[in-house]
């Protein structure tokens, strides 16, 4: 099972952002997760880990992830073969075949 940890800055009031992203991850991966843990921090920290592997660091990645990007990164680490449906279709780095919106 997979554990997700979101460390957020309490001084910056990023609890709401952290809980929103936790909810997004839970809605997509639900029972495949062991836990989603919110960890209060300070100093502008916003780090997301999957099984102790950093998948998003606000300082290194230049801001905050949107929900689709975070879900892709979680999936890429935990279940690389899994499709995310619409979240996979509009990736900026996707090839034309991967980003097709044709559902036929």
PDB file of N, CA and C in Angstrom:
ATOM      1  N   UNK A   1       0.840  -1.192   0.000  1.00  0.00           N
ATOM      2  CA  UNK A   1       0.000   0.000   0.000  1.00  0.00           C
ATOM      3  C   UNK A   1       0.878   1.247   0.000  1.00  0.00           C
ATOM      4  N   UNK A   2       0.311   2.332  -0.394  1.00  0.00           N
ATOM      5  CA  UNK A   2       1.053   3.561  -0.629  1.00  0.00           C
ATOM      6  C   UNK A   2       0.706   4.625   0.407  1.00  0.00           C
ATOM      7  N   UNK A   3       1.737   5.286   0.901  1.00  0.00           N
ATOM      8  CA  UNK A   3       1.558   6.373   1.863  1.00  0.00           C
ATOM      9  C   UNK A   3       1.939   7.704   1.225  1.00  0.00           C
ATOM     10  N   UNK A   4       1.073   8.685   1.380  1.00  0.00           N
ATOM     11  CA  UNK A   4       1.329  10.026   0.866  1.00  0.00           C
ATOM     12  C   UNK A   4       1.425  10.982   2.044  1.00  0.00           C
ATOM     13  N   UNK A   5       2.394  11.869   1.954  1.00  0.00           N
ATOM     14  CA  UNK A   5       2.633  12.846   3.020  1.00  0.00           C
ATOM     15  C   UNK A   5       2.706  14.227   2.379  1.00  0.00           C
ATOM     16  N   UNK A   6       1.946  15.169   2.925  1.00  0.00           N
ATOM     17  CA  UNK A   6       1.974  16.549   2.441  1.00  0.00           C
ATOM     18  C   UNK A   6       2.417  17.433   3.605  1.00  0.00           C
ATOM     19  N   UNK A   7       3.623  17.964   3.483  1.00  0.00           N
ATOM     20  CA  UNK A   7       4.140  18.892   4.500  1.00  0.00           C
ATOM     21  C   UNK A   7       3.892  20.303   4.001  1.00  0.00           C
ATOM     22  N   UNK A   8       3.256  21.122   4.816  1.00  0.00           N
ATOM     23  CA  UNK A   8       2.854  22.463   4.403  1.00  0.00           C
ATOM     24  C   UNK A   8       3.253  23.485   5.472  1.00  0.00           C
ATOM     25  N   UNK A   9       3.427  24.727   5.071  1.00  0.00           N
ATOM     26  CA  UNK A   9       3.828  25.794   5.979  1.00  0.00           C
ATOM     27  C   UNK A   9       2.613  26.380   6.707  1.00  0.00           C
ATOM     28  N   UNK A  10       2.659  26.308   8.031  1.00  0.00           N
ATOM     29  CA  UNK A  10       1.581  26.898   8.827  1.00  0.00           C
ATOM     30  C   UNK A  10       1.696  28.415   8.866  1.00  0.00           C
ATOM     31  N   UNK A  11       2.918  28.940   8.795  1.00  0.00           N
ATOM     32  CA  UNK A  11       3.127  30.392   8.802  1.00  0.00           C
ATOM     33  C   UNK A  11       2.542  31.039   7.554  1.00  0.00           C
ATOM     34  N   UNK A  12       2.525  30.287   6.467  1.00  0.00           N
ATOM     35  CA  UNK A  12       2.028  30.789   5.181  1.00  0.00           C
ATOM     36  C   UNK A  12       0.539  30.512   4.990  1.00  0.00           C
ATOM     37  N   UNK A  13      -0.075  29.831   5.954  1.00  0.00           N
ATOM     38  CA  UNK A  13      -1.503  29.487   5.895  1.00  0.00           C
ATOM     39  C   UNK A  13      -1.841  28.597   4.703  1.00  0.00           C
ATOM     40  N   UNK A  14      -1.015  27.566   4.461  1.00  0.00           N
ATOM     41  CA  UNK A  14      -1.226  26.680   3.324  1.00  0.00           C
ATOM     42  C   UNK A  14      -1.989  25.410   3.696  1.00  0.00           C
ATOM     43  N   UNK A  15      -2.621  25.386   4.872  1.00  0.00           N
ATOM     44  CA  UNK A  15      -3.415  24.225   5.281  1.00  0.00           C
ATOM     45  C   UNK A  15      -4.541  23.949   4.285  1.00  0.00           C
ATOM     46  N   UNK A  16      -5.258  24.961   3.863  1.00  0.00           N
ATOM     47  CA  UNK A  16      -6.376  24.762   2.939  1.00  0.00           C
ATOM     48  C   UNK A  16      -5.908  24.144   1.623  1.00  0.00           C
ATOM     49  N   UNK A  17      -4.790  24.611   1.087  1.00  0.00           N
ATOM     50  CA  UNK A  17      -4.233  24.057  -0.148  1.00  0.00           C
ATOM     51  C   UNK A  17      -3.845  22.591   0.068  1.00  0.00           C
ATOM     52  N   UNK A  18      -3.213  22.311   1.210  1.00  0.00           N
ATOM     53  CA  UNK A  18      -2.791  20.942   1.517  1.00  0.00           C
ATOM     54  C   UNK A  18      -3.989  20.010   1.654  1.00  0.00           C
ATOM     55  N   UNK A  19      -5.048  20.460   2.317  1.00  0.00           N
ATOM     56  CA  UNK A  19      -6.228  19.601   2.477  1.00  0.00           C
ATOM     57  C   UNK A  19      -6.950  19.394   1.155  1.00  0.00           C
ATOM     58  N   UNK A  20      -6.978  20.418   0.312  1.00  0.00           N
ATOM     59  CA  UNK A  20      -7.606  20.281  -1.010  1.00  0.00           C
ATOM     60  C   UNK A  20      -6.864  19.226  -1.833  1.00  0.00           C
ATOM     61  N   UNK A  21      -5.527  19.306  -1.869  1.00  0.00           N
ATOM     62  CA  UNK A  21      -4.755  18.330  -2.636  1.00  0.00           C
ATOM     63  C   UNK A  21      -4.862  16.937  -2.030  1.00  0.00           C
ATOM     64  N   UNK A  22      -4.924  16.849  -0.714  1.00  0.00           N
ATOM     65  CA  UNK A  22      -5.118  15.540  -0.070  1.00  0.00           C
ATOM     66  C   UNK A  22      -6.451  14.942  -0.505  1.00  0.00           C
ATOM     67  N   UNK A  23      -7.493  15.762  -0.556  1.00  0.00           N
ATOM     68  CA  UNK A  23      -8.800  15.292  -0.999  1.00  0.00           C
ATOM     69  C   UNK A  23      -8.789  14.842  -2.450  1.00  0.00           C
ATOM     70  N   UNK A  24      -8.071  15.558  -3.297  1.00  0.00           N
ATOM     71  CA  UNK A  24      -7.961  15.182  -4.706  1.00  0.00           C
ATOM     72  C   UNK A  24      -7.284  13.826  -4.867  1.00  0.00           C
ATOM     73  N   UNK A  25      -6.204  13.618  -4.119  1.00  0.00           N
ATOM     74  CA  UNK A  25      -5.474  12.351  -4.175  1.00  0.00           C
ATOM     75  C   UNK A  25      -6.357  11.220  -3.641  1.00  0.00           C
ATOM     76  N   UNK A  26      -7.044  11.472  -2.544  1.00  0.00           N
ATOM     77  CA  UNK A  26      -7.941  10.453  -1.982  1.00  0.00           C
ATOM     78  C   UNK A  26      -9.074  10.114  -2.940  1.00  0.00           C
ATOM     79  N   UNK A  27      -9.600  11.110  -3.635  1.00  0.00           N
ATOM     80  CA  UNK A  27     -10.709  10.833  -4.555  1.00  0.00           C
ATOM     81  C   UNK A  27     -10.255   9.999  -5.752  1.00  0.00           C
ATOM     82  N   UNK A  28      -8.991  10.123  -6.141  1.00  0.00           N
ATOM     83  CA  UNK A  28      -8.493   9.368  -7.290  1.00  0.00           C
ATOM     84  C   UNK A  28      -7.959   7.988  -6.929  1.00  0.00           C
ATOM     85  N   UNK A  29      -7.330   7.867  -5.770  1.00  0.00           N
ATOM     86  CA  UNK A  29      -6.639   6.620  -5.435  1.00  0.00           C
ATOM     87  C   UNK A  29      -7.217   5.896  -4.230  1.00  0.00           C
ATOM     88  N   UNK A  30      -8.121   6.538  -3.512  1.00  0.00           N
ATOM     89  CA  UNK A  30      -8.886   5.977  -2.408  1.00  0.00           C
ATOM     90  C   UNK A  30      -8.312   4.792  -1.663  1.00  0.00           C
ATOM     91  N   UNK A  31      -8.905   3.638  -1.868  1.00  0.00           N
ATOM     92  CA  UNK A  31      -8.553   2.456  -1.088  1.00  0.00           C
ATOM     93  C   UNK A  31      -7.203   1.850  -1.452  1.00  0.00           C
ATOM     94  N   UNK A  32      -6.556   2.356  -2.491  1.00  0.00           N
ATOM     95  CA  UNK A  32      -5.203   1.904  -2.812  1.00  0.00           C
ATOM     96  C   UNK A  32      -4.163   2.561  -1.911  1.00  0.00           C
ATOM     97  N   UNK A  33      -4.593   3.525  -1.115  1.00  0.00           N
ATOM     98  CA  UNK A  33      -3.690   4.255  -0.230  1.00  0.00           C
ATOM     99  C   UNK A  33      -3.769   3.720   1.197  1.00  0.00           C
ATOM    100  N   UNK A  34      -2.621   3.654   1.848  1.00  0.00           N
ATOM    101  CA  UNK A  34      -2.591   3.332   3.272  1.00  0.00           C
ATOM    102  C   UNK A  34      -2.974   4.565   4.068  1.00  0.00           C
ATOM    103  N   UNK A  35      -2.406   5.713   3.666  1.00  0.00           N
ATOM    104  CA  UNK A  35      -2.695   6.953   4.381  1.00  0.00           C
ATOM    105  C   UNK A  35      -2.323   8.158   3.536  1.00  0.00           C
ATOM    106  N   UNK A  36      -2.972   9.265   3.855  1.00  0.00           N
ATOM    107  CA  UNK A  36      -2.583  10.581   3.373  1.00  0.00           C
ATOM    108  C   UNK A  36      -2.422  11.417   4.637  1.00  0.00           C
ATOM    109  N   UNK A  37      -1.211  11.875   4.874  1.00  0.00           N
ATOM    110  CA  UNK A  37      -0.894  12.561   6.117  1.00  0.00           C
ATOM    111  C   UNK A  37      -0.532  14.009   5.852  1.00  0.00           C
ATOM    112  N   UNK A  38      -1.142  14.915   6.615  1.00  0.00           N
ATOM    113  CA  UNK A  38      -0.795  16.327   6.558  1.00  0.00           C
ATOM    114  C   UNK A  38       0.172  16.610   7.701  1.00  0.00           C
ATOM    115  N   UNK A  39       1.298  17.242   7.373  1.00  0.00           N
ATOM    116  CA  UNK A  39       2.353  17.497   8.350  1.00  0.00           C
ATOM    117  C   UNK A  39       2.619  18.998   8.413  1.00  0.00           C
ATOM    118  N   UNK A  40       2.290  19.645   9.529  1.00  0.00           N
ATOM    119  CA  UNK A  40       2.554  21.073   9.639  1.00  0.00           C
ATOM    120  C   UNK A  40       4.054  21.359   9.692  1.00  0.00           C
ATOM    121  N   UNK A  41       4.455  22.402   8.979  1.00  0.00           N
ATOM    122  CA  UNK A  41       5.851  22.830   8.958  1.00  0.00           C
ATOM    123  C   UNK A  41       5.925  24.340   8.959  1.00  0.00           C
ATOM    124  N   UNK A  42       7.119  24.860   8.787  1.00  0.00           N
ATOM    125  CA  UNK A  42       7.340  26.311   8.769  1.00  0.00           C
ATOM    126  C   UNK A  42       8.351  26.644   7.682  1.00  0.00           C
ATOM    127  N   UNK A  43       8.549  27.927   7.460  1.00  0.00           N
ATOM    128  CA  UNK A  43       9.589  28.375   6.542  1.00  0.00           C
ATOM    129  C   UNK A  43       9.259  28.239   5.070  1.00  0.00           C
ATOM    130  N   UNK A  44       7.986  28.228   4.725  1.00  0.00           N
ATOM    131  CA  UNK A  44       7.592  28.173   3.314  1.00  0.00           C
ATOM    132  C   UNK A  44       7.643  26.789   2.700  1.00  0.00           C
ATOM    133  N   UNK A  45       7.638  25.761   3.531  1.00  0.00           N
ATOM    134  CA  UNK A  45       7.736  24.394   3.028  1.00  0.00           C
ATOM    135  C   UNK A  45       6.402  23.934   2.424  1.00  0.00           C
ATOM    136  N   UNK A  46       6.488  23.253   1.300  1.00  0.00           N
ATOM    137  CA  UNK A  46       5.347  22.539   0.725  1.00  0.00           C
ATOM    138  C   UNK A  46       5.938  21.378  -0.067  1.00  0.00           C
ATOM    139  N   UNK A  47       5.978  20.215   0.575  1.00  0.00           N
ATOM    140  CA  UNK A  47       6.616  19.031  -0.006  1.00  0.00           C
ATOM    141  C   UNK A  47       5.636  17.868   0.029  1.00  0.00           C
ATOM    142  N   UNK A  48       5.498  17.189  -1.096  1.00  0.00           N
ATOM    143  CA  UNK A  48       4.643  16.010  -1.188  1.00  0.00           C
ATOM    144  C   UNK A  48       5.537  14.803  -1.444  1.00  0.00           C
ATOM    145  N   UNK A  49       5.348  13.763  -0.644  1.00  0.00           N
ATOM    146  CA  UNK A  49       6.109  12.532  -0.833  1.00  0.00           C
ATOM    147  C   UNK A  49       5.160  11.351  -1.015  1.00  0.00           C
ATOM    148  N   UNK A  50       5.634  10.375  -1.774  1.00  0.00           N
ATOM    149  CA  UNK A  50       4.944   9.097  -1.940  1.00  0.00           C
ATOM    150  C   UNK A  50       5.927   8.036  -1.468  1.00  0.00           C
ATOM    151  N   UNK A  51       5.553   7.341  -0.406  1.00  0.00           N
ATOM    152  CA  UNK A  51       6.437   6.325   0.174  1.00  0.00           C
ATOM    153  C   UNK A  51       7.854   6.868   0.352  1.00  0.00           C
ATOM    154  N   UNK A  52       7.966   8.041   0.948  1.00  0.00           N
ATOM    155  CA  UNK A  52       9.234   8.707   1.272  1.00  0.00           C
ATOM    156  C   UNK A  52      10.010   9.223   0.062  1.00  0.00           C
ATOM    157  N   UNK A  53       9.421   9.163  -1.132  1.00  0.00           N
ATOM    158  CA  UNK A  53      10.054   9.734  -2.327  1.00  0.00           C
ATOM    159  C   UNK A  53       9.408  11.084  -2.614  1.00  0.00           C
ATOM    160  N   UNK A  54      10.214  12.135  -2.661  1.00  0.00           N
ATOM    161  CA  UNK A  54       9.679  13.472  -2.939  1.00  0.00           C
ATOM    162  C   UNK A  54       9.204  13.531  -4.385  1.00  0.00           C
ATOM    163  N   UNK A  55       7.924  13.888  -4.546  1.00  0.00           N
ATOM    164  CA  UNK A  55       7.381  14.051  -5.901  1.00  0.00           C
ATOM    165  C   UNK A  55       7.060  15.509  -6.206  1.00  0.00           C
ATOM    166  N   UNK A  56       6.996  16.351  -5.177  1.00  0.00           N
ATOM    167  CA  UNK A  56       6.791  17.781  -5.393  1.00  0.00           C
ATOM    168  C   UNK A  56       7.429  18.540  -4.243  1.00  0.00           C
ATOM    169  N   UNK A  57       8.242  19.535  -4.592  1.00  0.00           N
ATOM    170  CA  UNK A  57       8.838  20.440  -3.613  1.00  0.00           C
ATOM    171  C   UNK A  57       8.631  21.839  -4.160  1.00  0.00           C
ATOM    172  N   UNK A  58       7.901  22.650  -3.426  1.00  0.00           N
ATOM    173  CA  UNK A  58       7.553  23.986  -3.895  1.00  0.00           C
ATOM    174  C   UNK A  58       8.780  24.772  -4.343  1.00  0.00           C
ATOM    175  N   UNK A  59       9.859  24.674  -3.617  1.00  0.00           N
ATOM    176  CA  UNK A  59      11.068  25.433  -3.969  1.00  0.00           C
ATOM    177  C   UNK A  59      11.713  24.899  -5.245  1.00  0.00           C
ATOM    178  N   UNK A  60      11.837  23.602  -5.354  1.00  0.00           N
ATOM    179  CA  UNK A  60      12.495  22.994  -6.521  1.00  0.00           C
ATOM    180  C   UNK A  60      11.620  23.046  -7.769  1.00  0.00           C
ATOM    181  N   UNK A  61      10.300  22.888  -7.577  1.00  0.00           N
ATOM    182  CA  UNK A  61       9.384  22.819  -8.715  1.00  0.00           C
ATOM    183  C   UNK A  61       8.767  24.170  -9.078  1.00  0.00           C
ATOM    184  N   UNK A  62       9.076  25.199  -8.317  1.00  0.00           N
ATOM    185  CA  UNK A  62       8.617  26.537  -8.677  1.00  0.00           C
ATOM    186  C   UNK A  62       7.156  26.804  -8.407  1.00  0.00           C
ATOM    187  N   UNK A  63       6.684  26.527  -7.220  1.00  0.00           N
ATOM    188  CA  UNK A  63       5.306  26.830  -6.864  1.00  0.00           C
ATOM    189  C   UNK A  63       4.550  25.600  -6.428  1.00  0.00           C
ATOM    190  N   UNK A  64       3.277  25.578  -6.742  1.00  0.00           N
ATOM    191  CA  UNK A  64       2.390  24.515  -6.301  1.00  0.00           C
ATOM    192  C   UNK A  64       1.872  23.714  -7.495  1.00  0.00           C
ATOM    193  N   UNK A  65       1.623  22.430  -7.272  1.00  0.00           N
ATOM    194  CA  UNK A  65       1.054  21.637  -8.369  1.00  0.00           C
ATOM    195  C   UNK A  65      -0.437  21.882  -8.499  1.00  0.00           C
ATOM    196  N   UNK A  66      -0.958  21.731  -9.716  1.00  0.00           N
ATOM    197  CA  UNK A  66      -2.408  21.650  -9.825  1.00  0.00           C
ATOM    198  C   UNK A  66      -2.776  20.193  -9.540  1.00  0.00           C
ATOM    199  N   UNK A  67      -4.032  19.937  -9.362  1.00  0.00           N
ATOM    200  CA  UNK A  67      -4.471  18.593  -8.969  1.00  0.00           C
ATOM    201  C   UNK A  67      -4.080  17.532  -9.994  1.00  0.00           C
ATOM    202  N   UNK A  68      -4.245  17.834 -11.272  1.00  0.00           N
ATOM    203  CA  UNK A  68      -3.934  16.842 -12.314  1.00  0.00           C
ATOM    204  C   UNK A  68      -2.455  16.486 -12.317  1.00  0.00           C
ATOM    205  N   UNK A  69      -1.583  17.480 -12.172  1.00  0.00           N
ATOM    206  CA  UNK A  69      -0.144  17.218 -12.160  1.00  0.00           C
ATOM    207  C   UNK A  69       0.251  16.392 -10.941  1.00  0.00           C
ATOM    208  N   UNK A  70      -0.313  16.710  -9.791  1.00  0.00           N
ATOM    209  CA  UNK A  70      -0.002  15.943  -8.592  1.00  0.00           C
ATOM    210  C   UNK A  70      -0.461  14.496  -8.738  1.00  0.00           C
ATOM    211  N   UNK A  71      -1.643  14.292  -9.274  1.00  0.00           N
ATOM    212  CA  UNK A  71      -2.147  12.933  -9.487  1.00  0.00           C
ATOM    213  C   UNK A  71      -1.258  12.157 -10.452  1.00  0.00           C
ATOM    214  N   UNK A  72      -0.775  12.816 -11.513  1.00  0.00           N
ATOM    215  CA  UNK A  72       0.136  12.155 -12.449  1.00  0.00           C
ATOM    216  C   UNK A  72       1.414  11.729 -11.749  1.00  0.00           C
ATOM    217  N   UNK A  73       1.952  12.600 -10.913  1.00  0.00           N
ATOM    218  CA  UNK A  73       3.200  12.266 -10.221  1.00  0.00           C
ATOM    219  C   UNK A  73       3.005  11.150  -9.205  1.00  0.00           C
ATOM    220  N   UNK A  74       1.886  11.162  -8.508  1.00  0.00           N
ATOM    221  CA  UNK A  74       1.583  10.058  -7.581  1.00  0.00           C
ATOM    222  C   UNK A  74       1.482   8.762  -8.369  1.00  0.00           C
ATOM    223  N   UNK A  75       0.705   8.780  -9.433  1.00  0.00           N
ATOM    224  CA  UNK A  75       0.526   7.601 -10.267  1.00  0.00           C
ATOM    225  C   UNK A  75       1.850   7.099 -10.834  1.00  0.00           C
ATOM    226  N   UNK A  76       2.684   8.015 -11.327  1.00  0.00           N
ATOM    227  CA  UNK A  76       3.953   7.624 -11.944  1.00  0.00           C
ATOM    228  C   UNK A  76       4.862   6.882 -10.977  1.00  0.00           C
ATOM    229  N   UNK A  77       4.785   7.204  -9.698  1.00  0.00           N
ATOM    230  CA  UNK A  77       5.598   6.521  -8.684  1.00  0.00           C
ATOM    231  C   UNK A  77       4.930   5.239  -8.213  1.00  0.00           C
ATOM    232  N   UNK A  78       3.656   5.312  -7.906  1.00  0.00           N
ATOM    233  CA  UNK A  78       2.977   4.183  -7.254  1.00  0.00           C
ATOM    234  C   UNK A  78       2.388   3.155  -8.218  1.00  0.00           C
ATOM    235  N   UNK A  79       1.786   3.600  -9.309  1.00  0.00           N
ATOM    236  CA  UNK A  79       1.107   2.710 -10.255  1.00  0.00           C
ATOM    237  C   UNK A  79       1.343   3.192 -11.683  1.00  0.00           C
ATOM    238  N   UNK A  80       2.569   3.071 -12.205  1.00  0.00           N
ATOM    239  CA  UNK A  80       2.887   3.661 -13.523  1.00  0.00           C
ATOM    240  C   UNK A  80       2.026   3.155 -14.670  1.00  0.00           C
ATOM    241  N   UNK A  81       1.460   1.975 -14.554  1.00  0.00           N
ATOM    242  CA  UNK A  81       0.644   1.420 -15.643  1.00  0.00           C
ATOM    243  C   UNK A  81      -0.799   1.927 -15.610  1.00  0.00           C
ATOM    244  N   UNK A  82      -1.195   2.595 -14.560  1.00  0.00           N
ATOM    245  CA  UNK A  82      -2.578   3.033 -14.376  1.00  0.00           C
ATOM    246  C   UNK A  82      -2.895   4.272 -15.228  1.00  0.00           C
ATOM    247  N   UNK A  83      -4.069   4.270 -15.818  1.00  0.00           N
ATOM    248  CA  UNK A  83      -4.544   5.432 -16.572  1.00  0.00           C
ATOM    249  C   UNK A  83      -5.279   6.377 -15.635  1.00  0.00           C
ATOM    250  N   UNK A  84      -5.097   7.661 -15.873  1.00  0.00           N
ATOM    251  CA  UNK A  84      -5.840   8.666 -15.115  1.00  0.00           C
ATOM    252  C   UNK A  84      -6.948   9.287 -15.954  1.00  0.00           C
ATOM    253  N   UNK A  85      -7.230   8.692 -17.096  1.00  0.00           N
ATOM    254  CA  UNK A  85      -8.307   9.197 -17.941  1.00  0.00           C
ATOM    255  C   UNK A  85      -8.048  10.610 -18.411  1.00  0.00           C
ATOM    256  N   UNK A  86      -8.977  11.516 -18.124  1.00  0.00           N
ATOM    257  CA  UNK A  86      -8.883  12.894 -18.622  1.00  0.00           C
ATOM    258  C   UNK A  86      -7.638  13.625 -18.123  1.00  0.00           C
ATOM    259  N   UNK A  87      -7.114  13.276 -16.967  1.00  0.00           N
ATOM    260  CA  UNK A  87      -5.920  13.949 -16.438  1.00  0.00           C
ATOM    261  C   UNK A  87      -4.685  13.653 -17.282  1.00  0.00           C
ATOM    262  N   UNK A  88      -4.704  12.566 -18.038  1.00  0.00           N
ATOM    263  CA  UNK A  88      -3.586  12.225 -18.918  1.00  0.00           C
ATOM    264  C   UNK A  88      -3.701  12.900 -20.284  1.00  0.00           C
ATOM    265  N   UNK A  89      -4.854  13.389 -20.643  1.00  0.00           N
ATOM    266  CA  UNK A  89      -5.100  13.863 -22.008  1.00  0.00           C
ATOM    267  C   UNK A  89      -4.491  15.204 -22.348  1.00  0.00           C
ATOM    268  N   UNK A  90      -4.340  16.082 -21.382  1.00  0.00           N
ATOM    269  CA  UNK A  90      -3.932  17.454 -21.701  1.00  0.00           C
ATOM    270  C   UNK A  90      -2.577  17.806 -21.100  1.00  0.00           C
ATOM    271  N   UNK A  91      -1.695  16.835 -20.980  1.00  0.00           N
ATOM    272  CA  UNK A  91      -0.356  17.094 -20.463  1.00  0.00           C
ATOM    273  C   UNK A  91       0.413  17.935 -21.469  1.00  0.00           C
ATOM    274  N   UNK A  92       1.122  18.949 -20.999  1.00  0.00           N
ATOM    275  CA  UNK A  92       1.911  19.767 -21.928  1.00  0.00           C
ATOM    276  C   UNK A  92       3.032  18.976 -22.595  1.00  0.00           C
ATOM    277  N   UNK A  93       3.532  17.919 -21.949  1.00  0.00           N
ATOM    278  CA  UNK A  93       4.638  17.140 -22.496  1.00  0.00           C
ATOM    279  C   UNK A  93       4.166  15.909 -23.266  1.00  0.00           C
ATOM    280  N   UNK A  94       2.861  15.751 -23.423  1.00  0.00           N
ATOM    281  CA  UNK A  94       2.322  14.556 -24.089  1.00  0.00           C
ATOM    282  C   UNK A  94       2.514  14.655 -25.598  1.00  0.00           C
ATOM    283  N   UNK A  95       2.704  13.517 -26.224  1.00  0.00           N
ATOM    284  CA  UNK A  95       2.750  13.469 -27.676  1.00  0.00           C
ATOM    285  C   UNK A  95       1.332  13.651 -28.198  1.00  0.00           C
ATOM    286  N   UNK A  96       1.140  13.987 -29.475  1.00  0.00           N
ATOM    287  CA  UNK A  96      -0.220  14.166 -29.993  1.00  0.00           C
ATOM    288  C   UNK A  96      -1.117  12.953 -29.766  1.00  0.00           C
ATOM    289  N   UNK A  97      -0.596  11.766 -29.882  1.00  0.00           N
ATOM    290  CA  UNK A  97      -1.418  10.571 -29.663  1.00  0.00           C
ATOM    291  C   UNK A  97      -1.827  10.442 -28.213  1.00  0.00           C
ATOM    292  N   UNK A  98      -0.938  10.817 -27.291  1.00  0.00           N
ATOM    293  CA  UNK A  98      -1.250  10.714 -25.862  1.00  0.00           C
ATOM    294  C   UNK A  98      -2.243  11.776 -25.421  1.00  0.00           C
ATOM    295  N   UNK A  99      -2.238  12.945 -26.076  1.00  0.00           N
ATOM    296  CA  UNK A  99      -3.080  14.043 -25.637  1.00  0.00           C
ATOM    297  C   UNK A  99      -4.390  14.143 -26.419  1.00  0.00           C
ATOM    298  N   UNK A 100      -4.711  13.160 -27.207  1.00  0.00           N
ATOM    299  CA  UNK A 100      -5.930  13.167 -27.995  1.00  0.00           C
ATOM    300  C   UNK A 100      -7.159  13.242 -27.098  1.00  0.00           C
ATOM    301  N   UNK A 101      -8.124  14.010 -27.525  1.00  0.00           N
ATOM    302  CA  UNK A 101      -9.383  14.091 -26.783  1.00  0.00           C
ATOM    303  C   UNK A 101     -10.469  13.247 -27.441  1.00  0.00           C
ATOM    304  N   UNK A 102     -10.121  12.525 -28.479  1.00  0.00           N
ATOM    305  CA  UNK A 102     -11.079  11.664 -29.166  1.00  0.00           C
ATOM    306  C   UNK A 102     -11.347  10.433 -28.330  1.00  0.00           C
ATOM    307  N   UNK A 103     -12.567  10.244 -27.891  1.00  0.00           N
ATOM    308  CA  UNK A 103     -12.930   9.129 -27.024  1.00  0.00           C
ATOM    309  C   UNK A 103     -13.463   7.938 -27.790  1.00  0.00           C
ATOM    310  N   UNK A 104     -13.351   7.934 -29.104  1.00  0.00           N
ATOM    311  CA  UNK A 104     -13.872   6.814 -29.879  1.00  0.00           C
ATOM    312  C   UNK A 104     -12.918   5.675 -29.935  1.00  0.00           C
TER     313      UNK A 104
END
